[in-house]
C-alpha cells in the first residue's frame, strides 16, 4: 500500500513538476523547503509559543546500555503544536516530500524503493543504524 502511494505520488510530482525540472532547481527547492520547515518550528516557539524548546545536556546513567538510550534521551520539546502551527508544519513537510519525490523523479530513483531499502536497513541494524 505504502509502495503504491509512493509510486503514485512520485509519478504525479513528475507529471506536474514543469518549472523546476532541472536537478539544480529541484535541489535548491528541496533545500528551501527544509529551511521553511525549520523556520515554521522556530516560529511555533518564538511567535506563537505553543511549544517550547528546553535543551540541556542529555542525562544518561553510566550503567545504561545502547538499547536503553531511547528511554533516557529527551526531545527537548515541551508543549503541543496548536492547530495553526500544525497546519503550517504539515504544509512545509509536504513540500519537502514533494521536492524529494521530484529529485527522485529527475534522477530516475524510485522513492518507494529507497524508502523500503532504508526501512530494511533500519530493521536489520536497529539502534546501530544511526551510529
N, C-alpha and C. Protein backbone atom coordinates (compact mmCIF):
# COMPACT_ATOMS: atom_id res chain seq x y z
N UNK A 1 0.82 -1.20 0.00
CA UNK A 1 0.00 0.00 0.00
C UNK A 1 0.86 1.26 0.00
N UNK A 2 1.85 1.31 0.93
CA UNK A 2 2.72 2.48 1.02
C UNK A 2 3.56 2.61 -0.25
N UNK A 3 3.99 1.45 -0.80
CA UNK A 3 4.79 1.49 -2.02
C UNK A 3 3.99 2.07 -3.18
N UNK A 4 2.72 1.68 -3.26
CA UNK A 4 1.84 2.20 -4.30
C UNK A 4 1.64 3.70 -4.13
N UNK A 5 1.44 4.15 -2.90
CA UNK A 5 1.27 5.58 -2.63
C UNK A 5 2.52 6.36 -3.03
N UNK A 6 3.70 5.84 -2.67
CA UNK A 6 4.96 6.50 -3.05
C UNK A 6 5.08 6.60 -4.57
N UNK A 7 4.78 5.50 -5.25
CA UNK A 7 4.89 5.47 -6.70
C UNK A 7 3.93 6.48 -7.34
N UNK A 8 2.68 6.48 -6.89
CA UNK A 8 1.69 7.41 -7.44
C UNK A 8 2.07 8.85 -7.15
N UNK A 9 2.55 9.11 -5.93
CA UNK A 9 2.97 10.46 -5.57
C UNK A 9 4.12 10.92 -6.45
N UNK A 10 5.12 10.05 -6.62
CA UNK A 10 6.27 10.41 -7.45
C UNK A 10 5.85 10.63 -8.90
N UNK A 11 4.99 9.81 -9.42
CA UNK A 11 4.51 9.98 -10.79
C UNK A 11 3.75 11.29 -10.95
N UNK A 12 2.91 11.62 -9.98
CA UNK A 12 2.15 12.86 -10.03
C UNK A 12 3.09 14.06 -9.97
N UNK A 13 4.07 14.01 -9.07
CA UNK A 13 5.06 15.09 -8.98
C UNK A 13 5.78 15.22 -10.32
N UNK A 14 6.20 14.10 -10.89
CA UNK A 14 6.90 14.14 -12.18
C UNK A 14 6.07 14.73 -13.29
N UNK A 15 4.77 14.48 -13.23
CA UNK A 15 3.86 14.98 -14.26
C UNK A 15 3.70 16.50 -14.17
N UNK A 16 3.68 17.03 -12.96
CA UNK A 16 3.41 18.46 -12.79
C UNK A 16 4.63 19.31 -12.46
N UNK A 17 5.77 18.69 -12.30
CA UNK A 17 6.99 19.43 -11.99
C UNK A 17 7.59 19.92 -13.30
N UNK A 18 7.07 21.02 -13.78
CA UNK A 18 7.49 21.54 -15.08
C UNK A 18 8.49 22.68 -14.93
N UNK A 19 8.18 23.66 -14.10
CA UNK A 19 9.05 24.83 -13.96
C UNK A 19 10.37 24.50 -13.30
N UNK A 20 10.38 23.49 -12.46
CA UNK A 20 11.59 23.15 -11.72
C UNK A 20 12.08 21.77 -12.16
N UNK A 21 12.30 21.61 -13.43
CA UNK A 21 12.69 20.32 -13.99
C UNK A 21 14.18 20.07 -13.84
N UNK A 22 14.98 21.13 -13.83
CA UNK A 22 16.42 20.98 -13.70
C UNK A 22 16.75 20.42 -12.32
N UNK A 23 17.71 19.52 -12.28
CA UNK A 23 18.13 18.96 -11.00
C UNK A 23 18.60 20.06 -10.05
N UNK A 24 19.19 21.10 -10.59
CA UNK A 24 19.64 22.21 -9.75
C UNK A 24 18.47 22.96 -9.14
N UNK A 25 17.41 23.16 -9.92
CA UNK A 25 16.20 23.79 -9.40
C UNK A 25 15.57 22.93 -8.30
N UNK A 26 15.49 21.63 -8.55
CA UNK A 26 14.87 20.73 -7.59
C UNK A 26 15.69 20.70 -6.30
N UNK A 27 17.00 20.63 -6.42
CA UNK A 27 17.86 20.63 -5.23
C UNK A 27 17.68 21.91 -4.42
N UNK A 28 17.64 23.05 -5.09
CA UNK A 28 17.51 24.31 -4.36
C UNK A 28 16.11 24.43 -3.74
N UNK A 29 15.08 23.94 -4.42
CA UNK A 29 13.73 23.98 -3.85
C UNK A 29 13.62 23.03 -2.64
N UNK A 30 14.28 21.89 -2.70
CA UNK A 30 14.29 20.97 -1.57
C UNK A 30 14.98 21.61 -0.36
N UNK A 31 16.08 22.27 -0.61
CA UNK A 31 16.80 22.96 0.47
C UNK A 31 15.95 24.11 1.03
N UNK A 32 15.30 24.84 0.16
CA UNK A 32 14.43 25.93 0.60
C UNK A 32 13.27 25.39 1.45
N UNK A 33 12.69 24.27 1.04
CA UNK A 33 11.60 23.67 1.80
C UNK A 33 12.08 23.25 3.18
N UNK A 34 13.30 22.74 3.27
CA UNK A 34 13.87 22.38 4.57
C UNK A 34 14.04 23.60 5.46
N UNK A 35 14.51 24.68 4.87
CA UNK A 35 14.68 25.92 5.63
C UNK A 35 13.33 26.46 6.10
N UNK A 36 12.31 26.36 5.25
CA UNK A 36 10.98 26.84 5.62
C UNK A 36 10.38 25.97 6.74
N UNK A 37 10.68 24.69 6.73
CA UNK A 37 10.23 23.80 7.81
C UNK A 37 10.90 24.21 9.12
N UNK A 38 12.20 24.44 9.07
CA UNK A 38 12.92 24.87 10.26
C UNK A 38 12.36 26.20 10.78
N UNK A 39 12.06 27.10 9.87
CA UNK A 39 11.52 28.41 10.25
C UNK A 39 10.14 28.25 10.89
N UNK A 40 9.32 27.34 10.37
CA UNK A 40 7.99 27.12 10.94
C UNK A 40 8.10 26.59 12.37
N UNK A 41 9.07 25.73 12.64
CA UNK A 41 9.28 25.24 14.00
C UNK A 41 9.72 26.40 14.89
N UNK A 42 10.65 27.20 14.39
CA UNK A 42 11.14 28.34 15.17
C UNK A 42 10.01 29.31 15.48
N UNK A 43 9.12 29.57 14.52
CA UNK A 43 8.00 30.49 14.75
C UNK A 43 6.99 29.90 15.73
N UNK A 44 6.82 28.58 15.73
CA UNK A 44 5.93 27.95 16.70
C UNK A 44 6.44 28.21 18.12
N UNK A 45 7.77 28.27 18.24
CA UNK A 45 8.38 28.53 19.55
C UNK A 45 8.37 30.02 19.86
N UNK A 46 8.90 30.84 18.93
CA UNK A 46 9.15 32.25 19.25
C UNK A 46 7.97 33.18 19.03
N UNK A 47 7.13 32.91 18.04
CA UNK A 47 6.00 33.79 17.76
C UNK A 47 4.72 33.31 18.43
N UNK A 48 4.40 32.06 18.22
CA UNK A 48 3.16 31.52 18.77
C UNK A 48 3.35 31.12 20.23
N UNK A 49 4.39 30.38 20.49
CA UNK A 49 4.65 29.92 21.86
C UNK A 49 3.92 28.65 22.24
N UNK A 50 3.29 27.98 21.27
CA UNK A 50 2.56 26.75 21.59
C UNK A 50 3.50 25.63 22.02
N UNK A 51 4.74 25.70 21.57
CA UNK A 51 5.76 24.75 22.03
C UNK A 51 6.97 25.54 22.52
N UNK A 52 7.72 24.91 23.38
CA UNK A 52 8.95 25.49 23.90
C UNK A 52 10.08 24.50 23.66
N UNK A 53 11.28 25.05 23.54
CA UNK A 53 12.47 24.21 23.45
C UNK A 53 13.23 24.44 24.75
N UNK A 54 13.42 23.37 25.47
CA UNK A 54 14.16 23.43 26.73
C UNK A 54 15.30 22.42 26.62
N UNK A 55 16.40 22.87 26.06
CA UNK A 55 17.51 21.97 25.77
C UNK A 55 18.58 22.01 26.85
N UNK A 56 19.09 20.86 27.14
CA UNK A 56 20.20 20.71 28.08
C UNK A 56 20.94 19.43 27.70
N UNK A 57 22.06 19.25 28.32
CA UNK A 57 22.84 18.04 28.04
C UNK A 57 21.99 16.80 28.35
N UNK A 58 22.06 15.83 27.50
CA UNK A 58 21.32 14.59 27.72
C UNK A 58 21.90 13.87 28.93
N UNK A 59 21.03 13.40 29.81
CA UNK A 59 21.46 12.70 31.02
C UNK A 59 21.20 11.21 30.85
N UNK A 60 22.27 10.48 30.72
CA UNK A 60 22.18 9.03 30.54
C UNK A 60 22.95 8.38 31.69
N UNK A 61 22.31 7.50 32.44
CA UNK A 61 23.02 6.82 33.52
C UNK A 61 24.22 6.05 32.99
N UNK A 62 25.28 6.02 33.77
CA UNK A 62 26.52 5.35 33.36
C UNK A 62 26.33 3.88 33.04
N UNK A 63 25.43 3.23 33.73
CA UNK A 63 25.23 1.79 33.52
C UNK A 63 24.24 1.46 32.41
N UNK A 64 23.80 2.46 31.65
CA UNK A 64 22.84 2.23 30.57
C UNK A 64 23.52 1.61 29.36
N UNK A 65 22.85 0.65 28.77
CA UNK A 65 23.31 0.07 27.52
C UNK A 65 22.75 0.86 26.35
N UNK A 66 23.28 0.60 25.18
CA UNK A 66 22.86 1.33 23.99
C UNK A 66 21.36 1.16 23.73
N UNK A 67 20.85 -0.01 23.99
CA UNK A 67 19.43 -0.27 23.76
C UNK A 67 18.52 0.49 24.73
N UNK A 68 19.07 0.93 25.85
CA UNK A 68 18.29 1.67 26.85
C UNK A 68 18.27 3.17 26.57
N UNK A 69 19.06 3.64 25.63
CA UNK A 69 19.19 5.08 25.39
C UNK A 69 17.86 5.77 25.12
N UNK A 70 17.01 5.15 24.35
CA UNK A 70 15.74 5.79 23.96
C UNK A 70 14.91 6.16 25.19
N UNK A 71 15.06 5.41 26.26
CA UNK A 71 14.32 5.70 27.48
C UNK A 71 14.84 6.96 28.18
N UNK A 72 16.09 7.32 27.91
CA UNK A 72 16.72 8.43 28.63
C UNK A 72 16.89 9.69 27.79
N UNK A 73 16.80 9.58 26.48
CA UNK A 73 17.03 10.73 25.61
C UNK A 73 15.78 11.58 25.53
N UNK A 74 15.95 12.88 25.58
CA UNK A 74 14.86 13.84 25.56
C UNK A 74 14.76 14.50 24.18
N UNK A 75 13.55 14.90 23.80
CA UNK A 75 13.36 15.65 22.55
C UNK A 75 13.61 17.13 22.74
N UNK A 76 13.58 17.59 23.97
CA UNK A 76 13.73 19.00 24.34
C UNK A 76 12.52 19.84 23.94
N UNK A 77 11.45 19.22 23.48
CA UNK A 77 10.24 19.94 23.08
C UNK A 77 9.22 19.81 24.21
N UNK A 78 8.71 20.94 24.63
CA UNK A 78 7.68 20.97 25.66
C UNK A 78 6.42 21.59 25.05
N UNK A 79 5.28 21.01 25.31
CA UNK A 79 4.03 21.52 24.78
C UNK A 79 3.58 20.77 23.55
N UNK A 80 2.50 21.27 22.96
CA UNK A 80 1.89 20.64 21.78
C UNK A 80 1.63 21.72 20.74
N UNK A 81 1.89 21.41 19.50
CA UNK A 81 1.61 22.36 18.42
C UNK A 81 0.14 22.74 18.42
N UNK A 82 -0.13 24.02 18.27
CA UNK A 82 -1.52 24.46 18.09
C UNK A 82 -1.96 24.08 16.68
N UNK A 83 -3.24 24.20 16.40
CA UNK A 83 -3.77 23.81 15.09
C UNK A 83 -3.12 24.59 13.95
N UNK A 84 -2.93 25.90 14.14
CA UNK A 84 -2.33 26.73 13.09
C UNK A 84 -0.89 26.34 12.80
N UNK A 85 -0.10 26.14 13.84
CA UNK A 85 1.30 25.75 13.64
C UNK A 85 1.39 24.34 13.06
N UNK A 86 0.50 23.45 13.50
CA UNK A 86 0.48 22.09 12.95
C UNK A 86 0.19 22.12 11.45
N UNK A 87 -0.80 22.90 11.05
CA UNK A 87 -1.14 23.00 9.62
C UNK A 87 0.04 23.56 8.82
N UNK A 88 0.69 24.59 9.37
CA UNK A 88 1.84 25.17 8.67
C UNK A 88 2.95 24.15 8.53
N UNK A 89 3.26 23.45 9.60
CA UNK A 89 4.34 22.45 9.54
C UNK A 89 3.99 21.29 8.61
N UNK A 90 2.75 20.85 8.64
CA UNK A 90 2.34 19.78 7.72
C UNK A 90 2.51 20.22 6.27
N UNK A 91 2.18 21.46 6.00
CA UNK A 91 2.33 22.00 4.65
C UNK A 91 3.80 22.06 4.24
N UNK A 92 4.64 22.53 5.15
CA UNK A 92 6.07 22.64 4.84
C UNK A 92 6.72 21.27 4.68
N UNK A 93 6.36 20.34 5.54
CA UNK A 93 6.88 18.97 5.41
C UNK A 93 6.38 18.36 4.10
N UNK A 94 5.13 18.65 3.74
CA UNK A 94 4.59 18.18 2.47
C UNK A 94 5.40 18.68 1.28
N UNK A 95 5.81 19.95 1.33
CA UNK A 95 6.65 20.48 0.25
C UNK A 95 8.00 19.79 0.21
N UNK A 96 8.55 19.47 1.37
CA UNK A 96 9.80 18.72 1.39
C UNK A 96 9.63 17.37 0.70
N UNK A 97 8.52 16.70 1.01
CA UNK A 97 8.25 15.41 0.36
C UNK A 97 8.08 15.58 -1.15
N UNK A 98 7.39 16.65 -1.54
CA UNK A 98 7.19 16.91 -2.96
C UNK A 98 8.52 17.07 -3.69
N UNK A 99 9.40 17.89 -3.15
CA UNK A 99 10.68 18.12 -3.82
C UNK A 99 11.62 16.93 -3.69
N UNK A 100 11.49 16.15 -2.63
CA UNK A 100 12.27 14.91 -2.53
C UNK A 100 11.82 13.93 -3.61
N UNK A 101 10.50 13.82 -3.80
CA UNK A 101 9.97 12.97 -4.88
C UNK A 101 10.40 13.52 -6.23
N UNK A 102 10.43 14.84 -6.37
CA UNK A 102 10.89 15.44 -7.62
C UNK A 102 12.34 15.13 -7.90
N UNK A 103 13.17 15.17 -6.87
CA UNK A 103 14.59 14.83 -7.05
C UNK A 103 14.73 13.38 -7.47
N UNK A 104 13.96 12.50 -6.83
CA UNK A 104 13.98 11.09 -7.23
C UNK A 104 13.54 10.93 -8.68
N UNK A 105 12.51 11.65 -9.07
CA UNK A 105 12.00 11.56 -10.43
C UNK A 105 13.04 12.02 -11.45
N UNK A 106 13.67 13.15 -11.19
CA UNK A 106 14.67 13.70 -12.10
C UNK A 106 15.88 12.76 -12.23
N UNK A 107 16.25 12.12 -11.12
CA UNK A 107 17.42 11.23 -11.12
C UNK A 107 17.06 9.78 -11.38
N UNK A 108 15.77 9.54 -11.70
CA UNK A 108 15.28 8.19 -12.02
C UNK A 108 15.50 7.20 -10.87
N UNK A 109 15.23 7.68 -9.65
CA UNK A 109 15.23 6.83 -8.47
C UNK A 109 13.77 6.55 -8.11
N UNK A 110 13.50 5.40 -7.56
CA UNK A 110 12.15 5.06 -7.12
C UNK A 110 12.07 5.36 -5.62
N UNK A 111 11.30 6.39 -5.26
CA UNK A 111 11.18 6.80 -3.87
C UNK A 111 10.70 5.65 -2.99
N UNK A 112 9.78 4.86 -3.46
CA UNK A 112 9.28 3.71 -2.70
C UNK A 112 10.38 2.70 -2.43
N UNK A 113 11.22 2.44 -3.44
CA UNK A 113 12.34 1.50 -3.26
C UNK A 113 13.36 2.07 -2.27
N UNK A 114 13.63 3.36 -2.36
CA UNK A 114 14.56 4.00 -1.43
C UNK A 114 14.02 3.87 -0.01
N UNK A 115 12.73 4.16 0.16
CA UNK A 115 12.09 4.06 1.46
C UNK A 115 12.14 2.63 1.99
N UNK A 116 11.85 1.66 1.13
CA UNK A 116 11.88 0.25 1.54
C UNK A 116 13.29 -0.18 1.93
N UNK A 117 14.28 0.24 1.16
CA UNK A 117 15.68 -0.11 1.45
C UNK A 117 16.10 0.46 2.81
N UNK A 118 15.72 1.71 3.08
CA UNK A 118 16.07 2.32 4.36
C UNK A 118 15.34 1.64 5.51
N UNK A 119 14.09 1.27 5.28
CA UNK A 119 13.34 0.54 6.31
C UNK A 119 14.01 -0.79 6.61
N UNK A 120 14.44 -1.51 5.57
CA UNK A 120 15.11 -2.79 5.76
C UNK A 120 16.41 -2.62 6.54
N UNK A 121 17.19 -1.59 6.20
CA UNK A 121 18.45 -1.33 6.93
C UNK A 121 18.16 -1.01 8.39
N UNK A 122 17.18 -0.17 8.62
CA UNK A 122 16.82 0.21 9.98
C UNK A 122 16.35 -1.01 10.77
N UNK A 123 15.52 -1.84 10.16
CA UNK A 123 15.02 -3.04 10.82
C UNK A 123 16.15 -4.01 11.14
N UNK A 124 17.10 -4.13 10.22
CA UNK A 124 18.20 -5.07 10.43
C UNK A 124 19.21 -4.56 11.45
N UNK A 125 19.53 -3.28 11.40
CA UNK A 125 20.57 -2.72 12.26
C UNK A 125 20.04 -2.17 13.57
N UNK A 126 18.74 -1.90 13.61
CA UNK A 126 18.14 -1.37 14.84
C UNK A 126 18.83 -0.10 15.30
N UNK A 127 19.17 -0.02 16.56
CA UNK A 127 19.77 1.22 17.09
C UNK A 127 21.14 1.51 16.51
N UNK A 128 21.79 0.52 15.92
CA UNK A 128 23.13 0.72 15.36
C UNK A 128 23.09 1.42 14.00
N UNK A 129 21.89 1.56 13.44
CA UNK A 129 21.72 2.24 12.15
C UNK A 129 22.24 3.67 12.22
N UNK A 130 22.05 4.32 13.36
CA UNK A 130 22.37 5.74 13.49
C UNK A 130 23.78 5.99 14.00
N UNK A 131 24.57 4.95 14.16
CA UNK A 131 25.94 5.14 14.65
C UNK A 131 26.87 5.67 13.58
